[in-house]
Amino acid sequence: MKLATYRRPGDGEVRHGRITDAGAVTDLGPGDLSAVIGALDALPEPSGEHPLAEVALLAPLARPGKVLAVAANYQEHVEETGGDRLDKSRISPRLFLKPGTSVSGPGEDIAIPSVSPNVDWEAELVAVIGRGGKDIPLESALEHVGGYTIGNDVSGRKMDYGHERDTDDPMVGFFDWLNGKWPDGFAAMGPYLTTADEVPDPQKLDVTMEVNGRVRQQGDTGQMIFNVAELVAFASRLMTLEPGDVLYTGTPAGVGLATGEFLSAGDEMTVRVTGLGSLVNRVR
């Protein structure tokens, strides 16, 4: 089942609904998918229908309670950016948070911020929590995933605050990396939510990124160091997960940082994940 948040034609009201095989959206109610993400097995009866071509799809969840992401979760990505190969038995998932204001949806322009001219792309699978929990066992972790969508963890690779700083301090480097994840629009997601029952194995999905039609990333989720179940279980040890929380699961090799190529105004990014559609955003 494919569920979407959309802007209704005519009055522009934000609503949510189900995408049909016939290319329409059947309306399920007002607001985004946060209204139903915790009860996907008890959706209301549809109350109308719109051709998909006549609505504007939005981020499935406009302001998730948590926007979680994981760094360095594909070995080749770690190595392409100068890191050593990771020994999974000696590390834990490198989770971080992005602000709710970083969320953007399909078709939205993403602005290059004044504090970071070197902006990069990161194609990702995003897991959306459907059933909350704390200290979730690994063997049942996927039962807490309500569905999946596509993500682009847009990243500022160099921060410029207009004054000289002590860049030899490793904490400066860490916080520059983290701050580069926070600008508005830098957590693109969409175009819709595919429920977990249609993704029997989240570790068997191709992930690709095209920039201006050129393939820049081409990996698959089986290359993750920590798989989706492990990430969900680990995150739940640190915090209570709630319905509607989203988890960006890491990016494969092929980011611009590896070659020194970054985004410019007018560039178009297209992320594709098997069975989840495509997410397109332009840069301004």
Protein backbone atom coordinates (compact mmCIF):
# COMPACT_ATOMS: atom_id res chain seq x y z
CA MET A 1 0.00 0.00 0.00
CA LYS A 2 1.25 3.45 -0.93
CA LEU A 3 0.16 6.35 1.27
CA ALA A 4 0.79 10.01 0.54
CA THR A 5 0.48 13.46 2.01
CA TYR A 6 -0.73 15.86 -0.65
CA ARG A 7 -2.05 19.31 -1.32
CA ARG A 8 -5.60 19.14 -2.61
CA PRO A 9 -6.35 20.92 -5.88
CA GLY A 10 -8.57 23.94 -5.63
CA ASP A 11 -8.32 24.98 -1.99
CA GLY A 12 -4.75 23.79 -1.39
CA GLU A 13 -5.61 21.98 1.85
CA VAL A 14 -3.03 19.47 3.08
CA ARG A 15 -4.54 15.99 3.31
CA HIS A 16 -3.45 12.37 3.25
CA GLY A 17 -4.63 9.44 1.21
CA ARG A 18 -3.89 6.18 -0.54
CA ILE A 19 -2.38 6.00 -4.02
CA THR A 20 -4.25 3.56 -6.24
CA ASP A 21 -2.96 1.45 -9.10
CA ALA A 22 -5.19 3.53 -11.39
CA GLY A 23 -3.15 6.66 -10.74
CA ALA A 24 -5.39 8.41 -8.25
CA VAL A 25 -5.30 9.41 -4.59
CA THR A 26 -8.25 8.30 -2.46
CA ASP A 27 -8.71 10.76 0.38
CA LEU A 28 -8.39 9.53 3.99
CA GLY A 29 -8.56 12.79 5.92
CA PRO A 30 -6.96 16.14 6.75
CA GLY A 31 -3.32 16.70 7.61
CA ASP A 32 -0.29 14.58 6.88
CA LEU A 33 0.28 10.87 7.48
CA SER A 34 0.99 11.42 11.16
CA ALA A 35 -2.77 11.05 11.59
CA VAL A 36 -2.65 7.36 10.62
CA ILE A 37 0.97 6.18 10.86
CA GLY A 38 0.32 4.50 14.20
CA ALA A 39 -2.77 2.64 12.97
CA LEU A 40 -2.07 1.52 9.42
CA ASP A 41 -4.17 -1.61 9.91
CA ALA A 42 -7.26 0.47 10.72
CA LEU A 43 -7.39 3.17 8.05
CA PRO A 44 -10.64 5.13 7.67
CA GLU A 45 -12.89 4.67 4.67
CA PRO A 46 -11.91 6.90 1.72
CA SER A 47 -14.09 9.95 1.18
CA GLY A 48 -13.18 11.07 -2.32
CA GLU A 49 -10.63 10.72 -5.08
CA HIS A 50 -8.30 12.95 -7.06
CA PRO A 51 -6.18 12.14 -10.12
CA LEU A 52 -2.58 11.88 -9.01
CA ALA A 53 -1.55 14.30 -11.73
CA GLU A 54 -3.73 17.02 -10.18
CA VAL A 55 -2.31 16.96 -6.66
CA ALA A 56 1.04 18.09 -5.27
CA LEU A 57 2.75 15.39 -3.24
CA LEU A 58 4.39 16.62 -0.03
CA ALA A 59 6.78 15.07 2.48
CA PRO A 60 4.89 12.09 3.96
CA LEU A 61 5.46 13.55 7.44
CA ALA A 62 5.78 17.31 7.64
CA ARG A 63 7.35 17.48 11.11
CA PRO A 64 8.37 14.07 12.41
CA GLY A 65 8.86 13.82 16.16
CA LYS A 66 12.42 12.69 15.47
CA VAL A 67 14.49 12.84 12.31
CA LEU A 68 17.16 10.27 13.04
CA ALA A 69 20.03 9.50 10.70
CA VAL A 70 23.11 7.31 10.76
CA ALA A 71 26.57 8.26 9.57
CA ALA A 72 29.16 5.94 8.04
CA ASN A 73 26.88 2.95 7.46
CA TYR A 74 28.32 1.79 4.12
CA GLN A 75 31.95 0.64 4.03
CA GLU A 76 32.74 2.03 0.57
CA HIS A 77 31.35 5.44 1.57
CA VAL A 78 33.58 5.45 4.66
CA GLU A 79 36.63 4.63 2.56
CA GLU A 80 35.88 7.09 -0.26
CA THR A 81 35.88 9.97 2.24
CA GLY A 82 39.23 8.98 3.72
CA GLY A 83 38.17 6.75 6.60
CA ASP A 84 39.53 3.34 7.52
CA ARG A 85 37.47 0.22 6.97
CA LEU A 86 35.20 -0.29 9.99
CA ASP A 87 35.10 -3.40 12.14
CA LYS A 88 31.42 -3.80 12.98
CA SER A 89 32.23 -5.78 16.11
CA ARG A 90 34.13 -2.81 17.54
CA ILE A 91 31.67 0.03 16.87
CA SER A 92 28.05 1.03 17.38
CA PRO A 93 25.75 2.85 14.94
CA ARG A 94 26.67 6.52 14.63
CA LEU A 95 23.26 8.09 15.09
CA PHE A 96 22.53 11.80 14.96
CA LEU A 97 19.44 14.01 14.81
CA LYS A 98 18.32 16.54 12.23
CA PRO A 99 15.80 19.28 13.09
CA GLY A 100 12.20 19.09 11.94
CA THR A 101 12.75 22.22 9.86
CA SER A 102 15.22 20.27 7.71
CA VAL A 103 12.35 18.22 6.23
CA SER A 104 11.44 18.92 2.61
CA GLY A 105 9.24 17.05 0.20
CA PRO A 106 9.24 15.92 -3.42
CA GLY A 107 9.61 18.73 -5.91
CA GLU A 108 10.69 21.27 -3.30
CA ASP A 109 13.71 23.42 -4.05
CA ILE A 110 16.58 23.13 -1.60
CA ALA A 111 18.53 26.32 -0.98
CA ILE A 112 22.30 26.50 -0.61
CA PRO A 113 22.68 28.18 2.80
CA SER A 114 24.88 31.19 3.35
CA VAL A 115 26.91 29.32 5.99
CA SER A 116 27.83 26.38 3.74
CA PRO A 117 28.68 26.85 0.05
CA ASN A 118 29.80 23.21 -0.42
CA VAL A 119 26.54 21.25 -0.45
CA ASP A 120 26.44 17.53 -1.19
CA TRP A 121 23.92 14.76 -1.86
CA GLU A 122 23.28 11.51 0.02
CA ALA A 123 20.73 9.00 -1.31
CA GLU A 124 19.15 6.91 1.45
CA LEU A 125 16.44 4.46 2.42
CA VAL A 126 14.25 5.91 5.18
CA ALA A 127 12.42 3.72 7.68
CA VAL A 128 9.31 5.21 9.29
CA ILE A 129 8.30 3.98 12.74
CA GLY A 130 4.72 2.75 12.91
CA ARG A 131 4.73 1.21 16.38
CA GLY A 132 6.69 2.85 19.15
CA GLY A 133 8.80 1.20 21.79
CA LYS A 134 11.79 1.28 24.10
CA ASP A 135 14.54 -1.36 24.24
CA ILE A 136 13.05 -3.14 21.25
CA PRO A 137 14.48 -6.65 20.73
CA LEU A 138 16.44 -7.11 17.51
CA GLU A 139 14.32 -10.06 16.42
CA SER A 140 11.13 -7.98 16.46
CA ALA A 141 12.55 -4.61 15.41
CA LEU A 142 11.13 -4.65 11.88
CA GLU A 143 7.65 -5.13 13.34
CA HIS A 144 7.95 -1.53 14.58
CA VAL A 145 8.54 -0.17 11.07
CA GLY A 146 5.31 1.05 9.51
CA GLY A 147 6.79 1.71 6.10
CA TYR A 148 9.60 3.09 4.01
CA THR A 149 10.25 6.12 1.87
CA ILE A 150 13.15 7.67 -0.02
CA GLY A 151 15.48 10.18 1.58
CA ASN A 152 18.22 12.60 0.59
CA ASP A 153 20.39 13.56 3.56
CA VAL A 154 21.65 16.77 1.98
CA SER A 155 24.86 17.87 3.68
CA GLY A 156 26.96 21.00 3.97
CA ARG A 157 30.57 19.84 3.79
CA LYS A 158 32.28 23.06 4.86
CA MET A 159 30.96 25.68 7.24
CA ASP A 160 31.83 29.37 6.92
CA TYR A 161 30.63 31.63 9.73
CA GLY A 162 32.53 34.69 8.52
CA HIS A 163 35.34 34.63 11.06
CA GLU A 164 38.54 32.70 11.70
CA ARG A 165 38.28 29.62 13.91
CA ASP A 166 40.58 27.07 15.52
CA THR A 167 40.15 24.33 12.93
CA ASP A 168 42.84 22.21 14.61
CA ASP A 169 40.36 21.51 17.39
CA PRO A 170 38.69 18.15 16.55
CA MET A 171 35.46 19.33 18.16
CA VAL A 172 35.28 22.16 15.63
CA GLY A 173 35.45 19.58 12.86
CA PHE A 174 32.79 17.39 14.48
CA PHE A 175 30.33 20.22 15.02
CA ASP A 176 30.95 21.59 11.54
CA TRP A 177 30.04 18.15 10.18
CA LEU A 178 26.93 18.00 12.38
CA ASN A 179 25.86 21.60 11.69
CA GLY A 180 26.15 20.85 7.99
CA LYS A 181 23.24 18.43 8.38
CA TRP A 182 20.87 20.99 9.89
CA PRO A 183 19.91 23.65 7.31
CA ASP A 184 16.33 24.01 6.17
CA GLY A 185 15.30 21.44 3.57
CA PHE A 186 18.32 19.17 4.12
CA ALA A 187 16.19 16.12 5.00
CA ALA A 188 14.32 15.59 1.76
CA MET A 189 11.87 12.67 1.76
CA GLY A 190 9.11 11.21 -0.38
CA PRO A 191 7.40 10.89 -2.72
CA TYR A 192 5.13 8.67 -0.60
CA LEU A 193 5.21 6.01 2.12
CA THR A 194 5.21 2.35 1.07
CA THR A 195 3.90 0.18 3.89
CA ALA A 196 6.27 -2.41 5.33
CA ASP A 197 4.23 -5.38 4.09
CA GLU A 198 5.24 -4.41 0.53
CA VAL A 199 8.95 -4.40 1.47
CA PRO A 200 9.54 -7.96 2.71
CA ASP A 201 13.32 -7.48 2.95
CA PRO A 202 14.62 -3.91 3.35
CA GLN A 203 18.16 -5.23 2.77
CA LYS A 204 17.45 -6.12 -0.85
CA LEU A 205 16.83 -2.69 -2.38
CA ASP A 206 18.85 -0.78 -4.95
CA VAL A 207 19.66 2.85 -4.08
CA THR A 208 20.69 5.29 -6.81
CA MET A 209 21.32 9.01 -7.06
CA GLU A 210 21.40 10.99 -10.28
CA VAL A 211 22.56 14.60 -10.43
CA ASN A 212 21.48 16.30 -13.65
CA GLY A 213 20.84 12.88 -15.16
CA ARG A 214 24.29 11.50 -14.32
CA VAL A 215 24.41 8.51 -11.99
CA ARG A 216 26.54 9.46 -8.98
CA GLN A 217 25.58 6.79 -6.45
CA GLN A 218 24.62 3.20 -7.16
CA GLY A 219 24.48 0.82 -4.22
CA ASP A 220 22.13 -1.51 -2.45
CA THR A 221 20.88 -1.75 1.11
CA GLY A 222 22.54 -5.13 1.57
CA GLN A 223 25.81 -3.18 1.83
CA MET A 224 24.79 -1.53 5.10
CA ILE A 225 27.11 -2.13 8.04
CA PHE A 226 24.13 -2.06 10.43
CA ASN A 227 20.88 -3.22 8.86
CA VAL A 228 17.49 -1.61 9.43
CA ALA A 229 16.53 -3.96 12.26
CA GLU A 230 19.82 -3.32 14.06
CA LEU A 231 19.43 0.44 13.68
CA VAL A 232 15.87 0.43 15.05
CA ALA A 233 16.80 -1.78 17.99
CA PHE A 234 19.88 0.30 18.81
CA ALA A 235 18.04 3.63 18.56
CA SER A 236 15.38 2.33 20.94
CA ARG A 237 18.05 1.69 23.56
CA LEU A 238 18.91 5.41 23.50
CA MET A 239 15.40 6.86 23.32
CA THR A 240 11.75 5.88 23.12
CA LEU A 241 10.73 5.56 19.48
CA GLU A 242 7.29 6.87 18.59
CA PRO A 243 4.99 6.46 15.59
CA GLY A 244 6.05 8.87 12.87
CA ASP A 245 9.72 9.02 13.81
CA VAL A 246 11.89 8.63 10.72
CA LEU A 247 15.29 6.98 10.39
CA TYR A 248 17.65 7.75 7.51
CA THR A 249 19.72 4.58 7.20
CA GLY A 250 22.96 5.80 5.61
CA THR A 251 24.28 6.44 2.12
CA PRO A 252 26.35 4.35 -0.30
CA ALA A 253 29.53 5.49 -2.03
CA GLY A 254 29.45 8.22 -4.65
CA VAL A 255 29.00 11.47 -2.73
CA GLY A 256 30.44 14.70 -4.06
CA LEU A 257 32.88 15.04 -1.17
CA ALA A 258 34.89 12.13 -2.54
CA THR A 259 35.70 14.04 -5.75
CA GLY A 260 35.36 17.62 -4.59
CA GLU A 261 32.26 18.18 -6.72
CA PHE A 262 29.37 19.98 -5.04
CA LEU A 263 25.91 21.19 -5.92
CA SER A 264 25.11 24.48 -7.63
CA ALA A 265 21.91 26.43 -8.12
CA GLY A 266 19.85 24.81 -10.86
CA ASP A 267 21.11 21.27 -10.26
CA GLU A 268 18.53 18.49 -10.06
CA MET A 269 18.88 15.48 -7.76
CA THR A 270 16.89 12.29 -8.35
CA VAL A 271 16.97 9.46 -5.81
CA ARG A 272 15.50 6.05 -6.62
CA VAL A 273 14.98 3.08 -4.32
CA THR A 274 13.54 -0.21 -5.56
CA GLY A 275 9.75 -0.21 -5.27
CA LEU A 276 9.57 3.19 -3.55
CA GLY A 277 9.42 5.51 -6.56
CA SER A 278 11.71 8.48 -7.10
CA LEU A 279 12.43 11.65 -5.14
CA VAL A 280 13.32 14.74 -7.16
CA ASN A 281 14.59 18.03 -5.75
CA ARG A 282 16.27 21.00 -7.37
CA VAL A 283 18.88 23.29 -5.89
CA ARG A 284 18.53 27.05 -5.67
